[in-house]
Each structure stands twice: as C-alpha cells, then as structure tokens.
C-alpha cells in the first residue's frame, strides 16, 4: 500500500488526483475506487495501476488495511 494526499477533487464529477508521498507522482482517482468520501487535503492509502493514460489510484482507503498473518 502507498500513502498520499488528495491534491485535487471535483466532487461534482467524482474524480481527482492523489499525490504519492513517496515519489510525488500524481495519480488519477475516481470516487468509485474509494471506500470513503474523497476531498482535497485528505490523507489516504492506495494501490496504483498503470493504464493507457498513466497511473490510477485504486483500492483507496482512509486507513492502512491490517496485514493477515
């Protein structure tokens, strides 16, 4: 899981961008990929997938999932 912050979010259209804390990359995010309501400034955990238009944030959550031991 990666950690970042929602740097831009258009609630009317349901999409925005997350800035990855590790490398500064901006990833596209859609509200349907999150388990919480996204808003600018929100710290989130996510996974990234590479698509035809660049990287996309998926499995976005407000807390880091517990690892299964």
Protein backbone atom coordinates (compact mmCIF):
# COMPACT_ATOMS: atom_id res chain seq x y z
CA UNK A 1 0.00 0.00 0.00
CA UNK A 2 1.12 3.51 -0.79
CA UNK A 3 0.33 6.69 1.12
CA UNK A 4 -0.60 10.06 -0.32
CA UNK A 5 -2.86 13.08 -0.18
CA UNK A 6 -5.82 14.07 -2.33
CA UNK A 7 -4.37 17.12 -4.10
CA UNK A 8 -7.46 17.91 -6.21
CA UNK A 9 -11.00 16.54 -6.24
CA UNK A 10 -14.07 17.54 -8.26
CA UNK A 11 -16.98 16.19 -6.21
CA UNK A 12 -19.49 17.06 -8.94
CA UNK A 13 -17.74 14.82 -11.44
CA UNK A 14 -16.40 12.31 -8.90
CA UNK A 15 -12.73 12.36 -9.85
CA UNK A 16 -9.46 13.96 -8.88
CA UNK A 17 -5.80 13.30 -8.19
CA UNK A 18 -3.75 11.83 -5.36
CA UNK A 19 -0.14 12.91 -4.84
CA UNK A 20 2.03 9.94 -3.84
CA UNK A 21 4.13 10.80 -0.75
CA UNK A 22 6.96 8.50 -1.85
CA UNK A 23 7.67 9.84 -5.33
CA UNK A 24 5.46 12.93 -5.80
CA UNK A 25 3.64 11.35 -8.75
CA UNK A 26 0.03 12.50 -9.30
CA UNK A 27 -2.37 9.63 -9.89
CA UNK A 28 -5.90 9.88 -11.25
CA UNK A 29 -8.57 8.69 -8.81
CA UNK A 30 -12.29 8.10 -9.21
CA UNK A 31 -14.70 8.15 -6.26
CA UNK A 32 -15.80 4.58 -7.12
CA UNK A 33 -12.27 3.38 -6.24
CA UNK A 34 -12.53 4.66 -2.65
CA UNK A 35 -14.23 3.37 0.48
CA UNK A 36 -14.67 6.92 1.85
CA UNK A 37 -15.75 10.31 0.52
CA UNK A 38 -12.74 11.94 -1.12
CA UNK A 39 -11.88 15.61 -0.58
CA UNK A 40 -8.83 17.80 -1.06
CA UNK A 41 -6.24 17.50 1.71
CA UNK A 42 -7.36 14.03 2.81
CA UNK A 43 -4.54 11.58 3.64
CA UNK A 44 -5.20 8.19 2.05
CA UNK A 45 -3.71 4.76 1.43
CA UNK A 46 -3.99 3.27 -2.04
CA UNK A 47 -2.60 0.91 -4.64
CA UNK A 48 -1.64 2.03 -8.13
CA UNK A 49 -2.30 0.52 -11.53
CA UNK A 50 -0.84 1.60 -14.84
CA UNK A 51 -3.41 2.22 -17.54
CA UNK A 52 -3.38 3.58 -21.08
CA UNK A 53 -3.44 7.20 -19.83
CA UNK A 54 -0.98 6.78 -16.94
CA UNK A 55 -1.21 5.67 -13.34
CA UNK A 56 -4.52 5.35 -11.50
CA UNK A 57 -5.11 5.03 -7.75
CA UNK A 58 -7.29 2.04 -6.79
CA UNK A 59 -8.43 0.44 -3.52
CA UNK A 60 -8.30 3.87 -1.84
CA UNK A 61 -8.96 3.94 1.91
CA UNK A 62 -8.53 6.25 4.86
CA UNK A 63 -6.61 3.71 6.90
CA UNK A 64 -3.98 1.11 6.13
CA UNK A 65 -5.53 -2.37 5.95
CA UNK A 66 -4.33 -4.86 8.54
CA UNK A 67 -1.95 -7.48 7.20
CA UNK A 68 -3.08 -11.07 7.58
CA UNK A 69 -0.58 -13.18 9.49
